[in-house]
PDB file of all heavy atoms in Angstrom:
ATOM      1  N   ASN A   1     -46.315 220.592  31.652  1.00  0.00           N
ATOM      2  CA  ASN A   1     -45.127 221.393  31.959  1.00  0.00           C
ATOM      3  C   ASN A   1     -45.187 221.948  33.372  1.00  0.00           C
ATOM      4  O   ASN A   1     -44.196 221.963  34.084  1.00  0.00           O
ATOM      5  CB  ASN A   1     -44.994 222.562  30.969  1.00  0.00           C
ATOM      6  CG  ASN A   1     -44.515 222.105  29.616  1.00  0.00           C
ATOM      7  OD1 ASN A   1     -44.004 221.012  29.467  1.00  0.00           O
ATOM      8  ND2 ASN A   1     -44.708 222.938  28.623  1.00  0.00           N
ATOM      9  N   GLU A   2     -46.366 222.432  33.759  1.00  0.00           N
ATOM     10  CA  GLU A   2     -46.516 223.096  35.056  1.00  0.00           C
ATOM     11  C   GLU A   2     -46.470 222.128  36.223  1.00  0.00           C
ATOM     12  O   GLU A   2     -46.036 222.495  37.305  1.00  0.00           O
ATOM     13  CB  GLU A   2     -47.836 223.877  35.098  1.00  0.00           C
ATOM     14  CG  GLU A   2     -47.847 225.071  34.177  1.00  0.00           C
ATOM     15  CD  GLU A   2     -49.224 225.711  34.065  1.00  0.00           C
ATOM     16  OE1 GLU A   2     -50.157 225.274  34.769  1.00  0.00           O
ATOM     17  OE2 GLU A   2     -49.350 226.652  33.266  1.00  0.00           O
ATOM     18  N   THR A   3     -46.940 220.901  36.039  1.00  0.00           N
ATOM     19  CA  THR A   3     -47.015 219.973  37.161  1.00  0.00           C
ATOM     20  C   THR A   3     -45.718 219.205  37.385  1.00  0.00           C
ATOM     21  O   THR A   3     -45.617 218.443  38.335  1.00  0.00           O
ATOM     22  CB  THR A   3     -48.193 218.991  36.993  1.00  0.00           C
ATOM     23  OG1 THR A   3     -48.030 218.274  35.765  1.00  0.00           O
ATOM     24  CG2 THR A   3     -49.517 219.723  37.003  1.00  0.00           C
ATOM     25  N   MET A   4     -44.748 219.389  36.521  1.00  0.00           N
ATOM     26  CA  MET A   4     -43.399 218.864  36.689  1.00  0.00           C
ATOM     27  C   MET A   4     -43.352 217.394  37.120  1.00  0.00           C
ATOM     28  O   MET A   4     -42.801 217.049  38.153  1.00  0.00           O
ATOM     29  CB  MET A   4     -42.611 219.716  37.685  1.00  0.00           C
ATOM     30  CG  MET A   4     -42.453 221.139  37.232  1.00  0.00           C
ATOM     31  SD  MET A   4     -41.725 222.191  38.505  1.00  0.00           S
ATOM     32  CE  MET A   4     -43.114 222.460  39.595  1.00  0.00           C
ATOM     33  N   GLY A   5     -43.997 216.544  36.353  1.00  0.00           N
ATOM     34  CA  GLY A   5     -43.914 215.115  36.609  1.00  0.00           C
ATOM     35  C   GLY A   5     -44.878 214.599  37.664  1.00  0.00           C
ATOM     36  O   GLY A   5     -44.838 213.422  38.000  1.00  0.00           O
ATOM     37  N   ARG A   6     -45.755 215.455  38.172  1.00  0.00           N
ATOM     38  CA  ARG A   6     -46.703 214.976  39.178  1.00  0.00           C
ATOM     39  C   ARG A   6     -47.878 214.249  38.552  1.00  0.00           C
ATOM     40  O   ARG A   6     -48.605 213.543  39.225  1.00  0.00           O
ATOM     41  CB  ARG A   6     -47.240 216.135  40.023  1.00  0.00           C
ATOM     42  CG  ARG A   6     -46.221 216.701  40.964  1.00  0.00           C
ATOM     43  CD  ARG A   6     -46.828 217.636  41.974  1.00  0.00           C
ATOM     44  NE  ARG A   6     -47.471 218.783  41.335  1.00  0.00           N
ATOM     45  CZ  ARG A   6     -48.180 219.688  41.997  1.00  0.00           C
ATOM     46  NH1 ARG A   6     -48.348 219.579  43.293  1.00  0.00           N
ATOM     47  NH2 ARG A   6     -48.717 220.700  41.364  1.00  0.00           N
ATOM     48  N   GLY A   7     -48.088 214.453  37.257  1.00  0.00           N
ATOM     49  CA  GLY A   7     -49.223 213.826  36.605  1.00  0.00           C
ATOM     50  C   GLY A   7     -50.518 214.497  37.001  1.00  0.00           C
ATOM     51  O   GLY A   7     -50.566 215.681  37.310  1.00  0.00           O
ATOM     52  N   CYS A   8     -51.578 213.723  37.038  1.00  0.00           N
ATOM     53  CA  CYS A   8     -52.923 214.202  37.365  1.00  0.00           C
ATOM     54  C   CYS A   8     -53.312 213.616  38.725  1.00  0.00           C
ATOM     55  O   CYS A   8     -53.163 212.411  38.945  1.00  0.00           O
ATOM     56  CB  CYS A   8     -53.883 213.710  36.276  1.00  0.00           C
ATOM     57  SG  CYS A   8     -55.630 213.868  36.651  1.00  0.00           S
ATOM     58  N   LEU A   9     -53.791 214.448  39.616  1.00  0.00           N
ATOM     59  CA  LEU A   9     -54.167 213.963  40.948  1.00  0.00           C
ATOM     60  C   LEU A   9     -55.213 212.855  40.856  1.00  0.00           C
ATOM     61  O   LEU A   9     -55.153 211.886  41.610  1.00  0.00           O
ATOM     62  CB  LEU A   9     -54.679 215.117  41.823  1.00  0.00           C
ATOM     63  CG  LEU A   9     -55.128 214.744  43.237  1.00  0.00           C
ATOM     64  CD1 LEU A   9     -54.009 214.077  44.032  1.00  0.00           C
ATOM     65  CD2 LEU A   9     -55.651 215.974  43.964  1.00  0.00           C
ATOM     66  N   MET A  10     -56.147 212.964  39.938  1.00  0.00           N
ATOM     67  CA  MET A  10     -57.180 211.933  39.797  1.00  0.00           C
ATOM     68  C   MET A  10     -56.589 210.617  39.305  1.00  0.00           C
ATOM     69  O   MET A  10     -56.899 209.550  39.830  1.00  0.00           O
ATOM     70  CB  MET A  10     -58.282 212.385  38.840  1.00  0.00           C
ATOM     71  CG  MET A  10     -59.215 213.389  39.413  1.00  0.00           C
ATOM     72  SD  MET A  10     -60.156 212.732  40.810  1.00  0.00           S
ATOM     73  CE  MET A  10     -61.031 214.209  41.275  1.00  0.00           C
ATOM     74  N   VAL A  11     -55.743 210.690  38.282  1.00  0.00           N
ATOM     75  CA  VAL A  11     -55.109 209.475  37.761  1.00  0.00           C
ATOM     76  C   VAL A  11     -54.231 208.862  38.845  1.00  0.00           C
ATOM     77  O   VAL A  11     -54.272 207.646  39.086  1.00  0.00           O
ATOM     78  CB  VAL A  11     -54.294 209.769  36.482  1.00  0.00           C
ATOM     79  CG1 VAL A  11     -53.475 208.559  36.067  1.00  0.00           C
ATOM     80  CG2 VAL A  11     -55.223 210.192  35.347  1.00  0.00           C
ATOM     81  N   ASN A  12     -53.445 209.696  39.516  1.00  0.00           N
ATOM     82  CA  ASN A  12     -52.575 209.199  40.582  1.00  0.00           C
ATOM     83  C   ASN A  12     -53.391 208.503  41.665  1.00  0.00           C
ATOM     84  O   ASN A  12     -53.012 207.429  42.156  1.00  0.00           O
ATOM     85  CB  ASN A  12     -51.784 210.348  41.212  1.00  0.00           C
ATOM     86  CG  ASN A  12     -50.841 211.023  40.243  1.00  0.00           C
ATOM     87  OD1 ASN A  12     -50.626 210.568  39.127  1.00  0.00           O
ATOM     88  ND2 ASN A  12     -50.294 212.145  40.664  1.00  0.00           N
ATOM     89  N   SER A  13     -54.500 209.113  42.044  1.00  0.00           N
ATOM     90  CA  SER A  13     -55.347 208.538  43.098  1.00  0.00           C
ATOM     91  C   SER A  13     -55.978 207.232  42.634  1.00  0.00           C
ATOM     92  O   SER A  13     -56.079 206.272  43.405  1.00  0.00           O
ATOM     93  CB  SER A  13     -56.432 209.534  43.500  1.00  0.00           C
ATOM     94  OG  SER A  13     -55.840 210.706  44.011  1.00  0.00           O
ATOM     95  N   SER A  14     -56.390 207.192  41.382  1.00  0.00           N
ATOM     96  CA  SER A  14     -56.962 205.971  40.835  1.00  0.00           C
ATOM     97  C   SER A  14     -55.938 204.843  40.867  1.00  0.00           C
ATOM     98  O   SER A  14     -56.251 203.710  41.242  1.00  0.00           O
ATOM     99  CB  SER A  14     -57.433 206.219  39.399  1.00  0.00           C
ATOM    100  OG  SER A  14     -57.986 205.061  38.859  1.00  0.00           O
ATOM    101  N   LEU A  15     -54.703 205.156  40.509  1.00  0.00           N
ATOM    102  CA  LEU A  15     -53.648 204.145  40.528  1.00  0.00           C
ATOM    103  C   LEU A  15     -53.293 203.745  41.957  1.00  0.00           C
ATOM    104  O   LEU A  15     -53.002 202.577  42.231  1.00  0.00           O
ATOM    105  CB  LEU A  15     -52.409 204.656  39.789  1.00  0.00           C
ATOM    106  CG  LEU A  15     -52.592 204.874  38.281  1.00  0.00           C
ATOM    107  CD1 LEU A  15     -51.374 205.556  37.685  1.00  0.00           C
ATOM    108  CD2 LEU A  15     -52.885 203.560  37.577  1.00  0.00           C
ATOM    109  N   GLU A  16     -53.314 204.703  42.877  1.00  0.00           N
ATOM    110  CA  GLU A  16     -52.970 204.408  44.269  1.00  0.00           C
ATOM    111  C   GLU A  16     -54.036 203.554  44.959  1.00  0.00           C
ATOM    112  O   GLU A  16     -53.723 202.623  45.693  1.00  0.00           O
ATOM    113  CB  GLU A  16     -52.777 205.714  45.055  1.00  0.00           C
ATOM    114  CG  GLU A  16     -52.368 205.500  46.497  1.00  0.00           C
ATOM    115  CD  GLU A  16     -52.061 206.785  47.257  1.00  0.00           C
ATOM    116  OE1 GLU A  16     -52.213 207.898  46.690  1.00  0.00           O
ATOM    117  OE2 GLU A  16     -51.668 206.675  48.414  1.00  0.00           O
ATOM    118  N   PHE A  17     -55.315 203.841  44.719  1.00  0.00           N
ATOM    119  CA  PHE A  17     -56.389 203.151  45.414  1.00  0.00           C
ATOM    120  C   PHE A  17     -56.965 201.979  44.645  1.00  0.00           C
ATOM    121  O   PHE A  17     -57.613 201.119  45.231  1.00  0.00           O
ATOM    122  CB  PHE A  17     -57.524 204.139  45.745  1.00  0.00           C
ATOM    123  CG  PHE A  17     -57.207 205.040  46.890  1.00  0.00           C
ATOM    124  CD1 PHE A  17     -56.543 206.238  46.681  1.00  0.00           C
ATOM    125  CD2 PHE A  17     -57.573 204.703  48.181  1.00  0.00           C
ATOM    126  CE1 PHE A  17     -56.246 207.083  47.735  1.00  0.00           C
ATOM    127  CE2 PHE A  17     -57.283 205.540  49.245  1.00  0.00           C
ATOM    128  CZ  PHE A  17     -56.622 206.732  49.027  1.00  0.00           C
ATOM    129  N   GLY A  18     -56.770 201.947  43.326  1.00  0.00           N
ATOM    130  CA  GLY A  18     -57.396 200.904  42.524  1.00  0.00           C
ATOM    131  C   GLY A  18     -58.908 200.991  42.643  1.00  0.00           C
ATOM    132  O   GLY A  18     -59.470 202.072  42.694  1.00  0.00           O
ATOM    133  N   CYS A  19     -59.556 199.866  42.746  1.00  0.00           N
ATOM    134  CA  CYS A  19     -61.022 199.831  42.881  1.00  0.00           C
ATOM    135  C   CYS A  19     -61.451 199.639  44.329  1.00  0.00           C
ATOM    136  O   CYS A  19     -62.603 199.324  44.601  1.00  0.00           O
ATOM    137  CB  CYS A  19     -61.587 198.690  42.032  1.00  0.00           C
ATOM    138  SG  CYS A  19     -61.268 198.894  40.278  1.00  0.00           S
ATOM    139  N   ASN A  20     -60.524 199.801  45.257  1.00  0.00           N
ATOM    140  CA  ASN A  20     -60.784 199.446  46.643  1.00  0.00           C
ATOM    141  C   ASN A  20     -61.471 200.514  47.480  1.00  0.00           C
ATOM    142  O   ASN A  20     -61.800 200.249  48.626  1.00  0.00           O
ATOM    143  CB  ASN A  20     -59.472 199.046  47.339  1.00  0.00           C
ATOM    144  CG  ASN A  20     -58.838 197.845  46.675  1.00  0.00           C
ATOM    145  OD1 ASN A  20     -59.535 196.980  46.171  1.00  0.00           O
ATOM    146  ND2 ASN A  20     -57.531 197.799  46.663  1.00  0.00           N
ATOM    147  N   ASP A  21     -61.659 201.698  46.964  1.00  0.00           N
ATOM    148  CA  ASP A  21     -62.247 202.760  47.764  1.00  0.00           C
ATOM    149  C   ASP A  21     -63.392 203.410  46.993  1.00  0.00           C
ATOM    150  O   ASP A  21     -63.169 204.114  46.009  1.00  0.00           O
ATOM    151  CB  ASP A  21     -61.186 203.800  48.129  1.00  0.00           C
ATOM    152  CG  ASP A  21     -61.689 204.787  49.150  1.00  0.00           C
ATOM    153  OD1 ASP A  21     -62.676 205.496  48.857  1.00  0.00           O
ATOM    154  OD2 ASP A  21     -61.091 204.860  50.238  1.00  0.00           O
ATOM    155  N   GLU A  22     -64.594 203.180  47.454  1.00  0.00           N
ATOM    156  CA  GLU A  22     -65.786 203.644  46.736  1.00  0.00           C
ATOM    157  C   GLU A  22     -65.839 205.162  46.603  1.00  0.00           C
ATOM    158  O   GLU A  22     -66.196 205.688  45.545  1.00  0.00           O
ATOM    159  CB  GLU A  22     -67.037 203.139  47.470  1.00  0.00           C
ATOM    160  CG  GLU A  22     -68.323 203.388  46.737  1.00  0.00           C
ATOM    161  CD  GLU A  22     -69.516 202.813  47.468  1.00  0.00           C
ATOM    162  OE1 GLU A  22     -69.427 201.649  47.912  1.00  0.00           O
ATOM    163  OE2 GLU A  22     -70.516 203.527  47.585  1.00  0.00           O
ATOM    164  N   GLU A  23     -65.489 205.886  47.660  1.00  0.00           N
ATOM    165  CA  GLU A  23     -65.578 207.350  47.616  1.00  0.00           C
ATOM    166  C   GLU A  23     -64.522 207.958  46.693  1.00  0.00           C
ATOM    167  O   GLU A  23     -64.811 208.896  45.944  1.00  0.00           O
ATOM    168  CB  GLU A  23     -65.457 207.935  49.024  1.00  0.00           C
ATOM    169  CG  GLU A  23     -66.677 207.631  49.882  1.00  0.00           C
ATOM    170  CD  GLU A  23     -66.495 208.087  51.306  1.00  0.00           C
ATOM    171  OE1 GLU A  23     -65.606 207.557  51.990  1.00  0.00           O
ATOM    172  OE2 GLU A  23     -67.252 208.995  51.713  1.00  0.00           O
ATOM    173  N   VAL A  24     -63.319 207.424  46.719  1.00  0.00           N
ATOM    174  CA  VAL A  24     -62.281 207.896  45.806  1.00  0.00           C
ATOM    175  C   VAL A  24     -62.686 207.572  44.379  1.00  0.00           C
ATOM    176  O   VAL A  24     -62.603 208.426  43.485  1.00  0.00           O
ATOM    177  CB  VAL A  24     -60.898 207.288  46.153  1.00  0.00           C
ATOM    178  CG1 VAL A  24     -59.876 207.619  45.068  1.00  0.00           C
ATOM    179  CG2 VAL A  24     -60.421 207.779  47.512  1.00  0.00           C
ATOM    180  N   ASN A  25     -63.157 206.362  44.149  1.00  0.00           N
ATOM    181  CA  ASN A  25     -63.587 205.964  42.805  1.00  0.00           C
ATOM    182  C   ASN A  25     -64.719 206.840  42.292  1.00  0.00           C
ATOM    183  O   ASN A  25     -64.771 207.148  41.111  1.00  0.00           O
ATOM    184  CB  ASN A  25     -64.013 204.491  42.779  1.00  0.00           C
ATOM    185  CG  ASN A  25     -62.821 203.558  42.757  1.00  0.00           C
ATOM    186  OD1 ASN A  25     -61.750 203.930  42.291  1.00  0.00           O
ATOM    187  ND2 ASN A  25     -63.002 202.368  43.285  1.00  0.00           N
TER     188      ASN A  25
END
């Protein structure tokens, strides 16, 4: 409710970077 459709920063980052960034992963 509080994040108003932003989801989770970790999930979003995982989807944005995929497996291509070791530090993000």
